[in-house]
C-alpha atoms as a PDB file:
ATOM      1  CA  UNK A   1     -21.938 -37.431  35.665  1.00  0.00           C
ATOM      2  CA  UNK A   2     -18.640 -36.965  33.823  1.00  0.00           C
ATOM      3  CA  UNK A   3     -18.468 -33.978  31.474  1.00  0.00           C
ATOM      4  CA  UNK A   4     -14.870 -33.407  30.463  1.00  0.00           C
ATOM      5  CA  UNK A   5     -11.697 -35.232  29.813  1.00  0.00           C
ATOM      6  CA  UNK A   6     -10.071 -36.968  26.896  1.00  0.00           C
ATOM      7  CA  UNK A   7     -12.534 -38.727  24.643  1.00  0.00           C
ATOM      8  CA  UNK A   8     -13.071 -39.290  20.949  1.00  0.00           C
ATOM      9  CA  UNK A   9     -14.303 -36.139  19.217  1.00  0.00           C
ATOM     10  CA  UNK A  10     -13.513 -33.843  22.160  1.00  0.00           C
ATOM     11  CA  UNK A  11     -11.644 -30.577  21.847  1.00  0.00           C
ATOM     12  CA  UNK A  12     -10.933 -28.174  19.049  1.00  0.00           C
ATOM     13  CA  UNK A  13     -10.651 -29.768  15.614  1.00  0.00           C
ATOM     14  CA  UNK A  14      -7.192 -29.670  14.109  1.00  0.00           C
ATOM     15  CA  UNK A  15      -6.947 -27.537  11.029  1.00  0.00           C
ATOM     16  CA  UNK A  16      -4.280 -27.335   8.378  1.00  0.00           C
ATOM     17  CA  UNK A  17      -0.704 -27.287   9.578  1.00  0.00           C
ATOM     18  CA  UNK A  18       0.782 -23.950   8.530  1.00  0.00           C
ATOM     19  CA  UNK A  19       4.534 -23.874   7.795  1.00  0.00           C
ATOM     20  CA  UNK A  20       6.525 -21.827  10.304  1.00  0.00           C
ATOM     21  CA  UNK A  21       7.601 -19.363   7.591  1.00  0.00           C
ATOM     22  CA  UNK A  22       3.949 -18.482   6.831  1.00  0.00           C
ATOM     23  CA  UNK A  23       2.691 -18.215  10.413  1.00  0.00           C
ATOM     24  CA  UNK A  24       1.714 -14.752  11.549  1.00  0.00           C
ATOM     25  CA  UNK A  25       3.637 -13.105  14.370  1.00  0.00           C
ATOM     26  CA  UNK A  26       3.174  -9.855  16.247  1.00  0.00           C
ATOM     27  CA  UNK A  27       5.513  -7.041  15.283  1.00  0.00           C
ATOM     28  CA  UNK A  28       5.353  -3.593  16.895  1.00  0.00           C
ATOM     29  CA  UNK A  29       6.591  -0.443  15.189  1.00  0.00           C
ATOM     30  CA  UNK A  30       6.356   3.285  15.659  1.00  0.00           C
ATOM     31  CA  UNK A  31       4.960   5.296  12.761  1.00  0.00           C
ATOM     32  CA  UNK A  32       3.714   8.875  12.513  1.00  0.00           C
ATOM     33  CA  UNK A  33       0.152   9.578  13.668  1.00  0.00           C
ATOM     34  CA  UNK A  34      -0.966  10.647  10.172  1.00  0.00           C
ATOM     35  CA  UNK A  35      -0.022   7.214   8.795  1.00  0.00           C
ATOM     36  CA  UNK A  36      -2.068   5.537  11.503  1.00  0.00           C
ATOM     37  CA  UNK A  37      -5.078   7.701  10.572  1.00  0.00           C
ATOM     38  CA  UNK A  38      -4.611   6.827   6.888  1.00  0.00           C
ATOM     39  CA  UNK A  39      -4.307   3.142   7.721  1.00  0.00           C
ATOM     40  CA  UNK A  40      -7.502   3.216   9.805  1.00  0.00           C
ATOM     41  CA  UNK A  41      -9.401   5.039   7.038  1.00  0.00           C
ATOM     42  CA  UNK A  42      -8.139   2.587   4.407  1.00  0.00           C
ATOM     43  CA  UNK A  43      -9.170  -0.302   6.641  1.00  0.00           C
ATOM     44  CA  UNK A  44     -12.722   1.032   6.899  1.00  0.00           C
ATOM     45  CA  UNK A  45     -13.001   1.934   3.198  1.00  0.00           C
ATOM     46  CA  UNK A  46     -11.632  -1.376   1.920  1.00  0.00           C
ATOM     47  CA  UNK A  47     -13.248  -3.494   4.654  1.00  0.00           C
ATOM     48  CA  UNK A  48      -9.918  -5.186   5.373  1.00  0.00           C
ATOM     49  CA  UNK A  49      -7.974  -5.498   8.591  1.00  0.00           C
ATOM     50  CA  UNK A  50      -5.150  -3.065   9.153  1.00  0.00           C
ATOM     51  CA  UNK A  51      -2.745  -5.996   9.223  1.00  0.00           C
ATOM     52  CA  UNK A  52      -3.873  -7.157   5.772  1.00  0.00           C
ATOM     53  CA  UNK A  53      -3.407  -3.669   4.339  1.00  0.00           C
ATOM     54  CA  UNK A  54       0.113  -3.412   5.773  1.00  0.00           C
ATOM     55  CA  UNK A  55       0.951  -6.932   4.592  1.00  0.00           C
ATOM     56  CA  UNK A  56      -0.214  -6.209   1.037  1.00  0.00           C
ATOM     57  CA  UNK A  57       1.641  -2.871   0.945  1.00  0.00           C
ATOM     58  CA  UNK A  58       4.869  -4.512   2.121  1.00  0.00           C
ATOM     59  CA  UNK A  59       4.557  -7.334  -0.400  1.00  0.00           C
ATOM     60  CA  UNK A  60       3.987  -4.842  -3.195  1.00  0.00           C
ATOM     61  CA  UNK A  61       6.897  -2.647  -2.020  1.00  0.00           C
ATOM     62  CA  UNK A  62       9.250  -5.629  -1.761  1.00  0.00           C
ATOM     63  CA  UNK A  63       8.054  -7.156  -5.051  1.00  0.00           C
ATOM     64  CA  UNK A  64       6.825 -10.406  -3.515  1.00  0.00           C
END
């Protein structure tokens, strides 16, 4: 009994194609421990990921 392989409807559905400039990438930085604590607390209080909080803060800071 065959279970895998290429067939119609198999595999993960393709979603929207995101432009390269909007794709998310990993970026490591070093920041003081107190900022990490503040970021974690803000993440819990606002129920947002830490990445979203940093992204929004950078956009606001850069006027985007």
